[in-house]
Amino acid sequence: NGGVVGMLEVIESDFARLESDTKASEASAQEEYDTFMTDSKVDKESKTKDIEHKTAKKQDESQALTVKNEDLEGTQKELDAALAYFDKLKPSCVDAGVSYEDRVARRKEEIESLQEALRILNGEDLA
C-alpha cells in the first residue's frame, strides 16, 4: 500500500519538476523566438530600405552614364570631324619637301620683290 502511494508521489513530484522545467524551457525558447523575430524584422526593414536606396542610386548613375555616353558620342563626332578637317588642311600647311632655310630664302625674295614693286609704284628710281 505505501509502496504504490510512495511510487505515485515520486511520479507526481517527477512530473511536477518535468512540467516546471518544460514551462521554463518553453518560456526561454519563446523569449528567444520573440527576440529573433524582432531582430529579423528590424534587419529586414533595414535591408529593404538599403535596397531602395541602392536601386535609386543605380538608376541615377545609369541615367548619368547614358548622358555621359551621349556626350562622349557627340564629342567623338566633333573630334572625328576636326581630325578629318586637319588631314584635309595638313598638305597645304606643311610642305615637307621644303626645308626651313629654303622657305626663309623664298620669303626674303618675295619681300624684296614686293618692296621693288612698291618702289616702282611710288615712282622711285631703281638705280
Foldseek 3Di string as FASTA:
>chain_A
DCVVVVVVVVVVVVVVVVVVVVVVVVVVVVVVVVVVVVVVVVVVVVVVVVVVVVVVVVVVVVVVVVVVVVVVVVVVVVVVVVVVVCVVCVCVVDPPVDDPVRVVVVVVVVVVVVVVVVCVVVVHDPD
